[in-house]
Amino acid sequence: MSDKVKEDVGAAQETLKIATSNAAEQTKGAASGQVNFAVRQVQGIARAFEKAGAELEGSDQAEVGRYTKQIGQSVDRFAKKMEGKDIGEIATIAEGFGRQQPLAFLGMAAIAGLAASRFLTASANRTTAGSITPSETSREHATTGGAKNV
């Protein structure tokens, strides 16, 4: 009987190892998708800086334009370094980027915060607007009483 218990424990341990391995692979896959999404977002921010810089260069603020363009290029290099990395490596890269390019890092963080705020505001407005439809509102007023509803 002792051998049977050992076999069962061994089988359970093997099943647990396989399940843990599968869960780890699924987590890596999901994290990889999130990293790819983040890379695309950071590249979009870089393009926005570069475009704004080019427009400023063509105006009476050429110096500000050149600096803004350089920030965009730095952010783009940061995005390229992020590709294919895991979350821990990206955190290390971001920390280094923040030390090397503090203004670019703060600008990128501000833009990301603004984008997140606008997204959340838009989502909240859509949810509120979607919870009450105009037809429900008109029906409610038509049936809630009054002298005409006899």
N, C-alpha and C. Protein backbone atom coordinates (compact mmCIF):
# COMPACT_ATOMS: atom_id res chain seq x y z
N MET A 1 0.82 -1.18 0.00
CA MET A 1 0.00 0.00 0.00
C MET A 1 0.87 1.25 0.00
N SER A 2 1.96 1.21 0.66
CA SER A 2 2.88 2.33 0.73
C SER A 2 3.41 2.68 -0.66
N ASP A 3 3.68 1.66 -1.48
CA ASP A 3 4.16 1.91 -2.84
C ASP A 3 3.09 2.61 -3.67
N LYS A 4 1.85 2.22 -3.48
CA LYS A 4 0.73 2.83 -4.21
C LYS A 4 0.61 4.31 -3.86
N VAL A 5 0.76 4.63 -2.58
CA VAL A 5 0.68 6.03 -2.13
C VAL A 5 1.82 6.82 -2.75
N LYS A 6 3.03 6.24 -2.76
CA LYS A 6 4.18 6.91 -3.35
C LYS A 6 3.94 7.17 -4.84
N GLU A 7 3.38 6.19 -5.53
CA GLU A 7 3.07 6.36 -6.95
C GLU A 7 2.06 7.48 -7.15
N ASP A 8 1.01 7.49 -6.32
CA ASP A 8 -0.02 8.53 -6.44
C ASP A 8 0.57 9.91 -6.16
N VAL A 9 1.40 10.02 -5.14
CA VAL A 9 2.03 11.30 -4.82
C VAL A 9 2.93 11.73 -5.97
N GLY A 10 3.68 10.80 -6.51
CA GLY A 10 4.55 11.11 -7.65
C GLY A 10 3.75 11.57 -8.86
N ALA A 11 2.64 10.89 -9.13
CA ALA A 11 1.79 11.27 -10.26
C ALA A 11 1.18 12.65 -10.02
N ALA A 12 0.77 12.91 -8.78
CA ALA A 12 0.19 14.21 -8.46
C ALA A 12 1.24 15.32 -8.61
N GLN A 13 2.47 15.04 -8.18
CA GLN A 13 3.53 16.03 -8.33
C GLN A 13 3.82 16.30 -9.81
N GLU A 14 3.83 15.26 -10.61
CA GLU A 14 4.08 15.42 -12.04
C GLU A 14 2.96 16.23 -12.70
N THR A 15 1.72 15.93 -12.32
CA THR A 15 0.58 16.68 -12.86
C THR A 15 0.67 18.14 -12.45
N LEU A 16 1.07 18.39 -11.22
CA LEU A 16 1.22 19.76 -10.73
C LEU A 16 2.32 20.49 -11.49
N LYS A 17 3.43 19.81 -11.76
CA LYS A 17 4.52 20.42 -12.52
C LYS A 17 4.04 20.80 -13.92
N ILE A 18 3.31 19.91 -14.56
CA ILE A 18 2.80 20.18 -15.91
C ILE A 18 1.83 21.35 -15.88
N ALA A 19 0.92 21.35 -14.91
CA ALA A 19 -0.05 22.44 -14.81
C ALA A 19 0.64 23.77 -14.54
N THR A 20 1.65 23.76 -13.67
CA THR A 20 2.40 24.98 -13.37
C THR A 20 3.13 25.47 -14.61
N SER A 21 3.73 24.54 -15.33
CA SER A 21 4.44 24.91 -16.55
C SER A 21 3.49 25.52 -17.58
N ASN A 22 2.32 24.89 -17.74
CA ASN A 22 1.32 25.42 -18.68
C ASN A 22 0.84 26.81 -18.26
N ALA A 23 0.60 26.99 -16.98
CA ALA A 23 0.16 28.30 -16.49
C ALA A 23 1.23 29.36 -16.72
N ALA A 24 2.48 28.97 -16.49
CA ALA A 24 3.58 29.92 -16.71
C ALA A 24 3.67 30.31 -18.18
N GLU A 25 3.51 29.34 -19.07
CA GLU A 25 3.56 29.64 -20.50
C GLU A 25 2.41 30.55 -20.91
N GLN A 26 1.22 30.30 -20.38
CA GLN A 26 0.07 31.15 -20.70
C GLN A 26 0.28 32.56 -20.17
N THR A 27 0.86 32.67 -18.99
CA THR A 27 1.13 33.99 -18.41
C THR A 27 2.16 34.73 -19.25
N LYS A 28 3.20 34.02 -19.68
CA LYS A 28 4.21 34.65 -20.53
C LYS A 28 3.59 35.12 -21.84
N GLY A 29 2.70 34.31 -22.40
CA GLY A 29 2.04 34.70 -23.64
C GLY A 29 1.19 35.94 -23.46
N ALA A 30 0.45 36.00 -22.37
CA ALA A 30 -0.39 37.18 -22.10
C ALA A 30 0.48 38.40 -21.84
N ALA A 31 1.54 38.23 -21.07
CA ALA A 31 2.44 39.35 -20.78
C ALA A 31 3.12 39.83 -22.06
N SER A 32 3.47 38.89 -22.93
CA SER A 32 4.09 39.26 -24.20
C SER A 32 3.15 40.11 -25.03
N GLY A 33 1.88 39.75 -25.05
CA GLY A 33 0.89 40.55 -25.78
C GLY A 33 0.77 41.94 -25.20
N GLN A 34 0.81 42.05 -23.88
CA GLN A 34 0.74 43.36 -23.23
C GLN A 34 1.98 44.18 -23.53
N VAL A 35 3.14 43.54 -23.56
CA VAL A 35 4.38 44.24 -23.88
C VAL A 35 4.32 44.77 -25.31
N ASN A 36 3.84 43.94 -26.23
CA ASN A 36 3.73 44.39 -27.62
C ASN A 36 2.79 45.58 -27.73
N PHE A 37 1.69 45.55 -27.00
CA PHE A 37 0.75 46.67 -26.98
C PHE A 37 1.44 47.92 -26.44
N ALA A 38 2.18 47.76 -25.35
CA ALA A 38 2.88 48.90 -24.75
C ALA A 38 3.92 49.47 -25.71
N VAL A 39 4.63 48.60 -26.42
CA VAL A 39 5.62 49.06 -27.39
C VAL A 39 4.95 49.91 -28.46
N ARG A 40 3.81 49.45 -28.98
CA ARG A 40 3.10 50.23 -30.01
C ARG A 40 2.65 51.58 -29.46
N GLN A 41 2.20 51.61 -28.21
CA GLN A 41 1.75 52.87 -27.62
C GLN A 41 2.92 53.83 -27.45
N VAL A 42 4.05 53.33 -26.98
CA VAL A 42 5.24 54.18 -26.80
C VAL A 42 5.73 54.68 -28.16
N GLN A 43 5.68 53.82 -29.18
CA GLN A 43 6.07 54.27 -30.52
C GLN A 43 5.14 55.37 -31.02
N GLY A 44 3.86 55.28 -30.70
CA GLY A 44 2.91 56.33 -31.07
C GLY A 44 3.24 57.65 -30.38
N ILE A 45 3.63 57.57 -29.12
CA ILE A 45 4.03 58.77 -28.39
C ILE A 45 5.28 59.37 -29.02
N ALA A 46 6.22 58.51 -29.39
CA ALA A 46 7.45 58.99 -30.04
C ALA A 46 7.12 59.72 -31.35
N ARG A 47 6.23 59.13 -32.15
CA ARG A 47 5.85 59.78 -33.41
C ARG A 47 5.18 61.13 -33.15
N ALA A 48 4.38 61.20 -32.10
CA ALA A 48 3.71 62.47 -31.77
C ALA A 48 4.74 63.54 -31.40
N PHE A 49 5.74 63.18 -30.60
CA PHE A 49 6.80 64.12 -30.25
C PHE A 49 7.54 64.57 -31.51
N GLU A 50 7.90 63.61 -32.36
CA GLU A 50 8.64 63.94 -33.58
C GLU A 50 7.83 64.85 -34.50
N LYS A 51 6.56 64.57 -34.64
CA LYS A 51 5.70 65.39 -35.49
C LYS A 51 5.57 66.80 -34.92
N ALA A 52 5.33 66.88 -33.61
CA ALA A 52 5.22 68.20 -32.97
C ALA A 52 6.54 68.96 -33.11
N GLY A 53 7.64 68.25 -32.96
CA GLY A 53 8.95 68.88 -33.11
C GLY A 53 9.17 69.41 -34.51
N ALA A 54 8.78 68.63 -35.51
CA ALA A 54 8.93 69.08 -36.90
C ALA A 54 8.09 70.33 -37.16
N GLU A 55 6.87 70.35 -36.63
CA GLU A 55 6.01 71.52 -36.81
C GLU A 55 6.59 72.75 -36.11
N LEU A 56 7.13 72.55 -34.92
CA LEU A 56 7.73 73.67 -34.19
C LEU A 56 9.00 74.17 -34.88
N GLU A 57 9.76 73.26 -35.49
CA GLU A 57 10.97 73.66 -36.21
C GLU A 57 10.62 74.59 -37.37
N GLY A 58 9.48 74.36 -37.99
CA GLY A 58 9.05 75.19 -39.11
C GLY A 58 8.46 76.52 -38.68
N SER A 59 8.27 76.71 -37.39
CA SER A 59 7.69 77.96 -36.89
C SER A 59 8.79 78.83 -36.29
N ASP A 60 8.40 79.79 -35.50
CA ASP A 60 9.37 80.68 -34.87
C ASP A 60 9.99 80.06 -33.61
N GLN A 61 9.68 78.80 -33.33
CA GLN A 61 10.23 78.11 -32.16
C GLN A 61 11.10 76.93 -32.58
N ALA A 62 12.06 77.21 -33.45
CA ALA A 62 12.89 76.15 -34.02
C ALA A 62 13.68 75.39 -32.95
N GLU A 63 14.20 76.11 -31.96
CA GLU A 63 14.99 75.45 -30.92
C GLU A 63 14.13 74.48 -30.11
N VAL A 64 12.95 74.90 -29.73
CA VAL A 64 12.02 74.02 -29.01
C VAL A 64 11.66 72.83 -29.89
N GLY A 65 11.48 73.08 -31.19
CA GLY A 65 11.16 72.01 -32.13
C GLY A 65 12.25 70.96 -32.20
N ARG A 66 13.51 71.42 -32.27
CA ARG A 66 14.63 70.47 -32.33
C ARG A 66 14.67 69.62 -31.06
N TYR A 67 14.47 70.28 -29.92
CA TYR A 67 14.51 69.54 -28.66
C TYR A 67 13.35 68.55 -28.58
N THR A 68 12.18 68.96 -29.00
CA THR A 68 11.02 68.07 -28.98
C THR A 68 11.24 66.88 -29.91
N LYS A 69 11.84 67.14 -31.05
CA LYS A 69 12.14 66.06 -32.00
C LYS A 69 13.14 65.08 -31.39
N GLN A 70 14.14 65.60 -30.70
CA GLN A 70 15.12 64.74 -30.04
C GLN A 70 14.47 63.88 -28.96
N ILE A 71 13.53 64.46 -28.24
CA ILE A 71 12.80 63.69 -27.24
C ILE A 71 12.06 62.54 -27.93
N GLY A 72 11.42 62.83 -29.06
CA GLY A 72 10.71 61.79 -29.81
C GLY A 72 11.64 60.68 -30.25
N GLN A 73 12.83 61.05 -30.70
CA GLN A 73 13.80 60.04 -31.13
C GLN A 73 14.26 59.19 -29.94
N SER A 74 14.46 59.83 -28.79
CA SER A 74 14.84 59.09 -27.58
C SER A 74 13.74 58.12 -27.16
N VAL A 75 12.51 58.58 -27.21
CA VAL A 75 11.38 57.73 -26.84
C VAL A 75 11.27 56.56 -27.81
N ASP A 76 11.52 56.80 -29.10
CA ASP A 76 11.48 55.73 -30.09
C ASP A 76 12.57 54.69 -29.81
N ARG A 77 13.77 55.15 -29.45
CA ARG A 77 14.84 54.20 -29.10
C ARG A 77 14.43 53.37 -27.87
N PHE A 78 13.79 54.03 -26.91
CA PHE A 78 13.29 53.33 -25.73
C PHE A 78 12.30 52.25 -26.13
N ALA A 79 11.38 52.57 -27.04
CA ALA A 79 10.38 51.59 -27.51
C ALA A 79 11.06 50.41 -28.17
N LYS A 80 12.08 50.67 -28.98
CA LYS A 80 12.79 49.58 -29.66
C LYS A 80 13.52 48.69 -28.67
N LYS A 81 14.03 49.28 -27.59
CA LYS A 81 14.69 48.47 -26.56
C LYS A 81 13.69 47.58 -25.83
N MET A 82 12.44 48.02 -25.76
CA MET A 82 11.40 47.25 -25.07
C MET A 82 11.00 45.98 -25.82
N GLU A 83 11.15 45.98 -27.14
CA GLU A 83 10.67 44.85 -27.95
C GLU A 83 11.32 43.55 -27.51
N GLY A 84 10.49 42.54 -27.31
CA GLY A 84 10.98 41.21 -26.99
C GLY A 84 11.45 41.04 -25.55
N LYS A 85 11.23 42.02 -24.71
CA LYS A 85 11.68 41.94 -23.32
C LYS A 85 10.52 41.54 -22.42
N ASP A 86 10.88 41.00 -21.24
CA ASP A 86 9.83 40.71 -20.27
C ASP A 86 9.62 41.94 -19.38
N ILE A 87 8.62 41.88 -18.52
CA ILE A 87 8.23 43.03 -17.72
C ILE A 87 9.37 43.52 -16.82
N GLY A 88 10.12 42.61 -16.22
CA GLY A 88 11.23 42.99 -15.35
C GLY A 88 12.31 43.74 -16.11
N GLU A 89 12.64 43.24 -17.31
CA GLU A 89 13.65 43.91 -18.13
C GLU A 89 13.17 45.30 -18.56
N ILE A 90 11.89 45.41 -18.87
CA ILE A 90 11.34 46.70 -19.29
C ILE A 90 11.40 47.70 -18.14
N ALA A 91 11.13 47.24 -16.93
CA ALA A 91 11.22 48.13 -15.77
C ALA A 91 12.64 48.66 -15.60
N THR A 92 13.63 47.79 -15.81
CA THR A 92 15.03 48.20 -15.72
C THR A 92 15.37 49.21 -16.82
N ILE A 93 14.89 48.93 -18.04
CA ILE A 93 15.13 49.85 -19.16
C ILE A 93 14.48 51.20 -18.88
N ALA A 94 13.25 51.18 -18.38
CA ALA A 94 12.53 52.42 -18.09
C ALA A 94 13.26 53.23 -17.01
N GLU A 95 13.78 52.55 -16.01
CA GLU A 95 14.52 53.23 -14.96
C GLU A 95 15.76 53.91 -15.53
N GLY A 96 16.49 53.19 -16.39
CA GLY A 96 17.67 53.77 -17.04
C GLY A 96 17.30 54.94 -17.94
N PHE A 97 16.22 54.79 -18.68
CA PHE A 97 15.76 55.86 -19.57
C PHE A 97 15.40 57.10 -18.76
N GLY A 98 14.73 56.90 -17.63
CA GLY A 98 14.36 58.02 -16.77
C GLY A 98 15.58 58.75 -16.23
N ARG A 99 16.65 58.03 -15.98
CA ARG A 99 17.87 58.67 -15.49
C ARG A 99 18.62 59.39 -16.61
N GLN A 100 18.64 58.79 -17.81
CA GLN A 100 19.37 59.39 -18.93
C GLN A 100 18.61 60.55 -19.55
N GLN A 101 17.30 60.43 -19.67
CA GLN A 101 16.46 61.43 -20.32
C GLN A 101 15.30 61.82 -19.41
N PRO A 102 15.57 62.51 -18.31
CA PRO A 102 14.48 62.78 -17.36
C PRO A 102 13.34 63.60 -17.96
N LEU A 103 13.65 64.59 -18.79
CA LEU A 103 12.57 65.40 -19.37
C LEU A 103 11.74 64.58 -20.35
N ALA A 104 12.39 63.76 -21.15
CA ALA A 104 11.65 62.91 -22.08
C ALA A 104 10.78 61.93 -21.30
N PHE A 105 11.34 61.38 -20.23
CA PHE A 105 10.59 60.42 -19.42
C PHE A 105 9.37 61.09 -18.79
N LEU A 106 9.56 62.28 -18.24
CA LEU A 106 8.44 63.00 -17.63
C LEU A 106 7.40 63.39 -18.68
N GLY A 107 7.86 63.81 -19.85
CA GLY A 107 6.93 64.16 -20.93
C GLY A 107 6.12 62.95 -21.36
N MET A 108 6.80 61.82 -21.50
CA MET A 108 6.11 60.59 -21.90
C MET A 108 5.11 60.17 -20.82
N ALA A 109 5.51 60.30 -19.57
CA ALA A 109 4.60 59.94 -18.47
C ALA A 109 3.38 60.86 -18.45
N ALA A 110 3.61 62.15 -18.70
CA ALA A 110 2.49 63.09 -18.71
C ALA A 110 1.52 62.78 -19.84
N ILE A 111 2.05 62.49 -21.02
CA ILE A 111 1.19 62.16 -22.16
C ILE A 111 0.44 60.86 -21.90
N ALA A 112 1.13 59.87 -21.33
CA ALA A 112 0.46 58.60 -21.02
C ALA A 112 -0.65 58.83 -19.99
N GLY A 113 -0.40 59.67 -19.00
CA GLY A 113 -1.42 59.98 -18.01
C GLY A 113 -2.61 60.69 -18.62
N LEU A 114 -2.34 61.63 -19.51
CA LEU A 114 -3.42 62.34 -20.19
C LEU A 114 -4.25 61.38 -21.04
N ALA A 115 -3.57 60.51 -21.77
CA ALA A 115 -4.28 59.53 -22.61
C ALA A 115 -5.13 58.60 -21.75
N ALA A 116 -4.58 58.14 -20.63
CA ALA A 116 -5.35 57.26 -19.74
C ALA A 116 -6.55 57.99 -19.17
N SER A 117 -6.36 59.24 -18.79
CA SER A 117 -7.47 60.03 -18.25
C SER A 117 -8.58 60.22 -19.28
N ARG A 118 -8.20 60.53 -20.50
CA ARG A 118 -9.20 60.72 -21.56
C ARG A 118 -9.92 59.41 -21.85
N PHE A 119 -9.18 58.29 -21.85
CA PHE A 119 -9.79 56.99 -22.10
C PHE A 119 -10.80 56.66 -21.01
N LEU A 120 -10.41 56.88 -19.75
CA LEU A 120 -11.31 56.57 -18.65
C LEU A 120 -12.53 57.48 -18.66
N THR A 121 -12.34 58.74 -18.98
CA THR A 121 -13.47 59.67 -19.06
C THR A 121 -14.43 59.25 -20.17
N ALA A 122 -13.87 58.91 -21.33
CA ALA A 122 -14.71 58.48 -22.45
C ALA A 122 -15.45 57.19 -22.11
N SER A 123 -14.77 56.27 -21.44
CA SER A 123 -15.42 55.01 -21.05
C SER A 123 -16.54 55.26 -20.06
N ALA A 124 -16.32 56.15 -19.11
CA ALA A 124 -17.35 56.45 -18.11
C ALA A 124 -18.55 57.12 -18.77
N ASN A 125 -18.32 58.03 -19.70
CA ASN A 125 -19.42 58.69 -20.40
C ASN A 125 -20.23 57.69 -21.21
N ARG A 126 -19.55 56.77 -21.86
CA ARG A 126 -20.22 55.76 -22.67
C ARG A 126 -21.07 54.85 -21.80
N THR A 127 -20.56 54.47 -20.64
CA THR A 127 -21.30 53.60 -19.73
C THR A 127 -22.53 54.32 -19.19
N THR A 128 -22.38 55.57 -18.79
CA THR A 128 -23.51 56.33 -18.27
C THR A 128 -24.56 56.53 -19.34
N ALA A 129 -24.12 56.91 -20.54
CA ALA A 129 -25.07 57.14 -21.63
C ALA A 129 -25.75 55.85 -22.05
N GLY A 130 -25.04 54.73 -21.97
CA GLY A 130 -25.60 53.45 -22.39
C GLY A 130 -26.56 52.85 -21.39
N SER A 131 -26.55 53.32 -20.15
CA SER A 131 -27.41 52.71 -19.14
C SER A 131 -28.85 53.19 -19.22
N ILE A 132 -29.11 54.37 -19.78
CA ILE A 132 -30.48 54.87 -19.93
C ILE A 132 -30.66 55.27 -21.39
N THR A 133 -31.62 54.67 -22.03
CA THR A 133 -31.87 55.01 -23.42
C THR A 133 -32.98 56.04 -23.51
N PRO A 134 -33.01 56.83 -24.58
CA PRO A 134 -34.05 57.84 -24.71
C PRO A 134 -35.45 57.25 -24.68
N SER A 135 -35.65 56.06 -25.25
CA SER A 135 -37.00 55.48 -25.26
C SER A 135 -37.45 55.12 -23.85
N GLU A 136 -36.50 54.65 -22.99
CA GLU A 136 -36.86 54.35 -21.61
C GLU A 136 -37.25 55.62 -20.88
N THR A 137 -36.53 56.69 -21.13
CA THR A 137 -36.81 57.96 -20.46
C THR A 137 -38.19 58.48 -20.84
N SER A 138 -38.54 58.42 -22.14
CA SER A 138 -39.84 58.94 -22.57
C SER A 138 -40.97 58.06 -22.05
N ARG A 139 -40.76 56.73 -21.99
CA ARG A 139 -41.78 55.83 -21.44
C ARG A 139 -42.01 56.10 -19.97
N GLU A 140 -40.92 56.35 -19.25
CA GLU A 140 -41.04 56.59 -17.82
C GLU A 140 -41.86 57.84 -17.56
N HIS A 141 -41.63 58.91 -18.32
CA HIS A 141 -42.38 60.14 -18.13
C HIS A 141 -43.84 59.97 -18.55
N ALA A 142 -44.09 59.13 -19.52
CA ALA A 142 -45.46 58.95 -20.03
C ALA A 142 -46.31 58.15 -19.06
N THR A 143 -45.69 57.30 -18.22
CA THR A 143 -46.48 56.41 -17.37
C THR A 143 -46.38 56.73 -15.89
N THR A 144 -45.72 57.81 -15.53
CA THR A 144 -45.51 58.07 -14.10
C THR A 144 -46.57 58.95 -13.48
N GLY A 145 -47.65 59.11 -14.11
CA GLY A 145 -48.74 59.85 -13.46
C GLY A 145 -49.06 61.14 -14.19
N GLY A 146 -49.83 61.95 -13.54
CA GLY A 146 -50.26 63.21 -14.13
C GLY A 146 -51.73 63.11 -14.50
N ALA A 147 -52.36 64.22 -14.70
CA ALA A 147 -53.80 64.27 -14.99
C ALA A 147 -54.15 63.64 -16.33
N LYS A 148 -53.21 63.65 -17.27
CA LYS A 148 -53.51 63.14 -18.61
C LYS A 148 -53.49 61.62 -18.65
N ASN A 149 -52.85 60.96 -17.71
CA ASN A 149 -52.74 59.50 -17.70
C ASN A 149 -53.84 58.88 -16.85
N VAL A 150 -55.08 58.96 -17.28
CA VAL A 150 -56.20 58.43 -16.51
C VAL A 150 -56.59 57.09 -17.01
